[in-house]
Every structure is written in C-alpha cells, then in structure tokens.
Amino acid sequence: MKILIIEDEPALAQAMTTYLEQEGNLCETAATFEEAWLKSGVYEYDCILVDIGLPGGTGLDIIRKLKKEHKQAGIIIVSAKDSIDDKITGLEIGSDDYLPKPFHLAELNARIKALLRRRKFGGEPQIRFREIVVDPQKQEVLVNEMPIRLTRSEYALLLYFLANPNRVLTKESVAEHLSGDSADLLDTIDFIYSHIKNLRKKLMDAGAGDYIKSVYGMGYKWSVT
C-alpha cells in the first residue's frame, strides 16, 4: 500500500514510516502544508494520514482539496487536536477515520488495513479473486489454497492490480506505486517489467489464470473477463 504521512513532528513521522514500511507499505512524508498540498495533488495514494495542525495551513484544507478533486485515497486524521469540533468537521468533509495522539503504531496499522478493506474490497478480511486469496493481516497469498512466496514489490503490485480490476494502469503509475515520488528521478522505469513478469510467472506456475494483460502503448490491466 502507498501511504502519504502528513506530519510535522520529525520523530513521529520517522517512527510511523519505519513501522509501516516494516509492514510492507511504501511511505512518503510531508512536513508542511505546502509540501502536503503539492504531493497530494500530484501523486496517487491508497491512504493519507493527515495531521490537522501544520506549518502554513491546516490539514482540513488538504482533505477538502482531495475530496474536491475526487481523489480515491482513504483519509485518516492523526492529530493531537482532540476536540470534538475538529473530529466532526474532519468526518463531515470526507475523512474516513480519526485517531487522536498519542496512539500505538499497531493500532494505526490496524486502522489502515481496515480502511483499505472497506474502501477497496468490501470490508472482507481476505481479498478473494477466483483461485487467488490474499490475507493482508498475514501478508499471505494463496493460489488454489497453496501459499506462494512473493517479494515486497510483487505483493504490492498484486494488491494494486486487484484493487483496480479491468482498469488500464499506465507504466508510469505502476512505477510510481512501487517507487513513490522518487520514480520522477529515475532515468528509466524498465524495472517494472521484471516485477510484472515475475509476479505473472509465480501466479501461473501455482495454477492461477493469466490475468495480467499488456495494453499496447499504454500499460497493463488485471483482466476479469
């Protein structure tokens, strides 16, 4: 999962990043209103963690912007401003959850996973597509009830495809999903070919159908037809 952490406390932002990346996520951070405004507008995320009090502005305006632009990211407010007015306002303008500081990182991780299940996969604890089952809690993938071993990038890529069935994903969007905003600095995005090739081979070797299709001149899609 690709997560944007909007947090102006460096130690907390680093702790959140370290914990969530150990759980297999790709995290980016923004410490100011201006930086958060830019990243949330340019890049796509599965989940955005928003602190209300930011240097230069308020996280509530970030949420309003995301909803106005119809961004699909799930939003969790993570804030020390534990007032009922801020909580109600945040939920009314489109945030999905509110977690007051201080909090346990394990609880934050659990809420992020629950949010992904609700928004992308109907709230089910496991993600099922025909003979493929993904258990996000265990980070386990089964094909025909047998586990297969995926790298972190292959696992992230599989979730990205499953969350976007029959949708053409450009090569650039795949690269950004796997590498974050550092993808802009890469000379080439050819690295995605090996990840897609390896994921496709592992799934098919385990008996899964050939669901990953190339779309000439555009990118890839997870075909459900």
Protein backbone atom coordinates (compact mmCIF):
# COMPACT_ATOMS: atom_id res chain seq x y z
CA MET A 1 0.00 0.00 0.00
CA LYS A 2 1.22 3.51 -0.80
CA ILE A 3 0.81 5.92 2.12
CA LEU A 4 1.38 9.66 2.48
CA ILE A 5 2.18 10.74 6.03
CA ILE A 6 1.42 14.43 6.58
CA GLU A 7 3.11 15.12 9.92
CA ASP A 8 5.31 17.99 11.11
CA GLU A 9 6.88 16.17 14.08
CA PRO A 10 10.04 14.58 12.57
CA ALA A 11 10.43 11.87 15.23
CA LEU A 12 6.81 10.74 14.92
CA ALA A 13 6.89 10.86 11.12
CA GLN A 14 10.02 8.70 11.13
CA ALA A 15 8.55 6.24 13.63
CA MET A 16 5.38 5.90 11.56
CA THR A 17 7.37 5.47 8.36
CA THR A 18 9.67 2.82 9.83
CA TYR A 19 6.82 0.81 11.35
CA LEU A 20 4.54 0.96 8.31
CA GLU A 21 7.33 0.10 5.87
CA GLN A 22 8.25 -2.92 8.00
CA GLU A 23 4.64 -3.96 7.42
CA GLY A 24 5.26 -3.89 3.66
CA ASN A 25 3.96 -0.42 2.78
CA LEU A 26 5.59 2.33 0.75
CA CYS A 27 5.58 5.59 2.70
CA GLU A 28 6.23 9.21 1.77
CA THR A 29 6.15 12.17 4.11
CA ALA A 30 5.21 15.84 4.03
CA ALA A 31 6.07 18.15 6.94
CA THR A 32 4.42 21.39 5.84
CA PHE A 33 1.10 22.47 4.38
CA GLU A 34 2.77 23.49 1.11
CA GLU A 35 4.58 20.16 0.69
CA ALA A 36 1.44 18.20 1.58
CA TRP A 37 -0.65 20.29 -0.81
CA LEU A 38 1.79 19.59 -3.66
CA LYS A 39 2.22 15.85 -3.09
CA SER A 40 -1.47 15.14 -2.50
CA GLY A 41 -2.31 16.90 -5.74
CA VAL A 42 0.34 15.32 -7.96
CA TYR A 43 0.66 11.72 -6.74
CA GLU A 44 -1.84 8.95 -6.07
CA TYR A 45 -2.00 7.23 -2.68
CA ASP A 46 -4.01 4.39 -1.16
CA CYS A 47 -4.10 6.11 2.22
CA ILE A 48 -3.23 9.57 3.54
CA LEU A 49 -2.57 10.24 7.22
CA VAL A 50 -3.32 13.89 7.95
CA ASP A 51 -2.30 15.98 10.95
CA ILE A 52 -4.65 18.94 11.35
CA GLY A 53 -2.08 21.44 12.66
CA LEU A 54 0.60 22.08 10.02
CA PRO A 55 3.12 24.87 9.43
CA GLY A 56 1.50 27.13 6.85
CA GLY A 57 -2.05 25.82 6.98
CA THR A 58 -4.50 23.21 8.22
CA GLY A 59 -4.88 19.58 7.31
CA LEU A 60 -8.63 20.12 6.97
CA ASP A 61 -7.98 22.17 3.82
CA ILE A 62 -5.91 19.28 2.43
CA ILE A 63 -8.89 16.97 2.95
CA ARG A 64 -11.25 19.45 1.26
CA LYS A 65 -8.88 19.62 -1.72
CA LEU A 66 -8.66 15.82 -2.03
CA LYS A 67 -12.43 15.47 -2.00
CA LYS A 68 -12.93 18.31 -4.47
CA GLU A 69 -10.51 16.64 -6.90
CA HIS A 70 -12.22 13.26 -6.36
CA LYS A 71 -9.04 11.58 -5.17
CA GLN A 72 -9.62 7.96 -4.20
CA ALA A 73 -7.23 7.79 -1.23
CA GLY A 74 -8.57 6.78 2.15
CA ILE A 75 -8.02 9.50 4.74
CA ILE A 76 -7.24 9.11 8.44
CA ILE A 77 -6.83 12.22 10.61
CA VAL A 78 -3.98 11.71 13.08
CA SER A 79 -3.90 14.72 15.35
CA ALA A 80 -3.20 15.99 18.84
CA LYS A 81 -6.12 18.41 18.41
CA ASP A 82 -8.59 16.08 20.04
CA SER A 83 -11.53 18.46 20.00
CA ILE A 84 -14.97 17.19 19.10
CA ASP A 85 -15.39 20.06 16.61
CA ASP A 86 -12.25 19.09 14.66
CA LYS A 87 -13.30 15.43 14.67
CA ILE A 88 -16.81 16.20 13.44
CA THR A 89 -15.55 18.63 10.80
CA GLY A 90 -12.98 16.14 9.54
CA LEU A 91 -15.53 13.36 9.19
CA GLU A 92 -18.11 15.65 7.62
CA ILE A 93 -15.77 16.85 4.88
CA GLY A 94 -14.72 13.33 3.93
CA SER A 95 -12.12 11.76 6.21
CA ASP A 96 -12.66 8.06 6.90
CA ASP A 97 -11.31 7.84 10.44
CA TYR A 98 -9.87 9.92 13.29
CA LEU A 99 -7.06 8.75 15.57
CA PRO A 100 -6.03 11.11 18.39
CA LYS A 101 -2.44 11.36 19.57
CA PRO A 102 -0.80 9.68 21.37
CA PHE A 103 -1.53 6.32 19.77
CA HIS A 104 0.05 2.89 19.38
CA LEU A 105 1.58 2.25 15.97
CA ALA A 106 -0.03 -1.20 15.93
CA GLU A 107 -3.47 0.43 16.23
CA LEU A 108 -2.64 2.85 13.41
CA ASN A 109 -1.58 -0.07 11.22
CA ALA A 110 -4.76 -1.97 12.02
CA ARG A 111 -6.92 1.03 11.13
CA ILE A 112 -5.09 1.49 7.82
CA LYS A 113 -5.64 -2.16 6.90
CA ALA A 114 -9.30 -1.96 7.88
CA LEU A 115 -9.72 1.19 5.79
CA LEU A 116 -8.20 -0.50 2.73
CA ARG A 117 -10.54 -3.47 3.13
CA ARG A 118 -13.59 -1.21 3.45
CA ARG A 119 -12.77 1.04 0.51
CA LYS A 120 -11.29 -1.44 -1.95
CA PHE A 121 -12.56 -4.89 -1.05
CA GLY A 122 -15.98 -4.56 0.60
CA GLY A 123 -14.73 -4.87 4.16
CA GLU A 124 -13.82 -8.56 3.87
CA PRO A 125 -10.84 -9.72 6.00
CA GLN A 126 -9.46 -11.58 2.98
CA ILE A 127 -9.25 -10.47 -0.64
CA ARG A 128 -10.52 -13.15 -2.98
CA PHE A 129 -10.35 -13.35 -6.74
CA ARG A 130 -11.26 -16.75 -8.14
CA GLU A 131 -8.44 -19.12 -7.11
CA ILE A 132 -6.35 -16.34 -5.54
CA VAL A 133 -6.71 -15.36 -1.87
CA VAL A 134 -4.76 -12.55 -0.21
CA ASP A 135 -4.68 -12.18 3.57
CA PRO A 136 -3.45 -8.62 4.29
CA GLN A 137 -3.17 -9.29 8.02
CA LYS A 138 -0.69 -12.11 7.44
CA GLN A 139 0.59 -10.69 4.14
CA GLU A 140 0.00 -14.14 2.71
CA VAL A 141 -1.02 -15.08 -0.82
CA LEU A 142 -2.67 -18.41 -1.64
CA VAL A 143 -3.32 -19.89 -5.07
CA ASN A 144 -5.59 -22.92 -5.07
CA GLU A 145 -5.19 -22.96 -1.26
CA MET A 146 -1.39 -23.25 -1.50
CA PRO A 147 0.86 -20.38 -0.34
CA ILE A 148 3.24 -18.72 -2.80
CA ARG A 149 6.23 -16.54 -1.96
CA LEU A 150 6.21 -13.01 -3.33
CA THR A 151 8.70 -10.21 -2.90
CA ARG A 152 7.54 -6.97 -1.31
CA SER A 153 7.24 -5.32 -4.73
CA GLU A 154 5.37 -8.28 -6.23
CA TYR A 155 2.93 -8.30 -3.30
CA ALA A 156 2.32 -4.54 -3.63
CA LEU A 157 1.82 -4.97 -7.37
CA LEU A 158 -0.72 -7.78 -6.87
CA LEU A 159 -2.77 -5.66 -4.46
CA TYR A 160 -2.61 -2.74 -6.89
CA PHE A 161 -3.99 -4.90 -9.69
CA LEU A 162 -6.68 -6.48 -7.51
CA ALA A 163 -7.83 -3.04 -6.34
CA ASN A 164 -8.18 -1.88 -9.95
CA PRO A 165 -9.77 -4.73 -11.94
CA ASN A 166 -10.16 -4.13 -15.69
CA ARG A 167 -8.61 -0.68 -15.32
CA VAL A 168 -5.64 0.18 -17.54
CA LEU A 169 -2.69 1.11 -15.33
CA THR A 170 -0.01 3.08 -17.11
CA LYS A 171 3.63 2.08 -16.80
CA GLU A 172 4.25 5.39 -15.07
CA SER A 173 1.52 4.79 -12.48
CA VAL A 174 2.91 1.32 -11.74
CA ALA A 175 6.42 2.76 -11.31
CA GLU A 176 5.11 5.47 -9.02
CA HIS A 177 3.14 2.95 -6.98
CA LEU A 178 6.25 0.83 -6.43
CA SER A 179 8.82 3.61 -6.00
CA GLY A 180 6.88 6.64 -4.84
CA ASP A 181 7.76 10.14 -5.93
CA SER A 182 11.37 9.03 -6.44
CA ALA A 183 10.11 7.50 -9.70
CA ASP A 184 10.36 11.01 -11.15
CA LEU A 185 14.12 10.87 -10.66
CA LEU A 186 14.66 7.56 -12.44
CA ASP A 187 16.26 7.50 -15.88
CA THR A 188 14.11 4.54 -16.84
CA ILE A 189 11.11 2.68 -15.47
CA ASP A 190 12.09 -0.60 -17.09
CA PHE A 191 12.40 -2.16 -13.61
CA ILE A 192 8.62 -2.67 -13.59
CA TYR A 193 8.84 -5.22 -16.40
CA SER A 194 10.75 -7.72 -14.26
CA HIS A 195 8.35 -7.31 -11.35
CA ILE A 196 5.32 -7.87 -13.59
CA LYS A 197 6.98 -10.79 -15.37
CA ASN A 198 7.94 -12.47 -12.08
CA LEU A 199 4.52 -11.94 -10.49
CA ARG A 200 2.75 -13.31 -13.55
CA LYS A 201 5.03 -16.37 -13.65
CA LYS A 202 4.64 -17.17 -9.94
CA LEU A 203 0.85 -16.94 -10.13
CA MET A 204 0.60 -19.08 -13.25
CA ASP A 205 3.12 -21.64 -12.01
CA ALA A 206 0.89 -22.08 -8.97
CA GLY A 207 -2.14 -22.68 -11.20
CA ALA A 208 -3.68 -19.22 -11.43
CA GLY A 209 -5.13 -17.87 -14.65
CA ASP A 210 -3.27 -15.42 -16.85
CA TYR A 211 -4.94 -12.24 -15.60
CA ILE A 212 -2.19 -9.67 -16.19
CA LYS A 213 -2.57 -8.32 -19.71
CA SER A 214 -0.39 -5.86 -21.60
CA VAL A 215 -2.24 -2.97 -23.23
CA TYR A 216 -0.17 -1.87 -26.19
CA GLY A 217 1.24 1.62 -25.89
CA MET A 218 -0.46 2.22 -22.55
CA GLY A 219 0.39 -0.20 -19.76
CA TYR A 220 -1.26 -3.18 -18.05
CA LYS A 221 -4.56 -4.31 -16.65
CA TRP A 222 -5.90 -7.10 -14.48
CA SER A 223 -8.43 -8.73 -16.78
CA VAL A 224 -11.51 -10.20 -15.15
CA THR A 225 -13.31 -11.11 -18.37
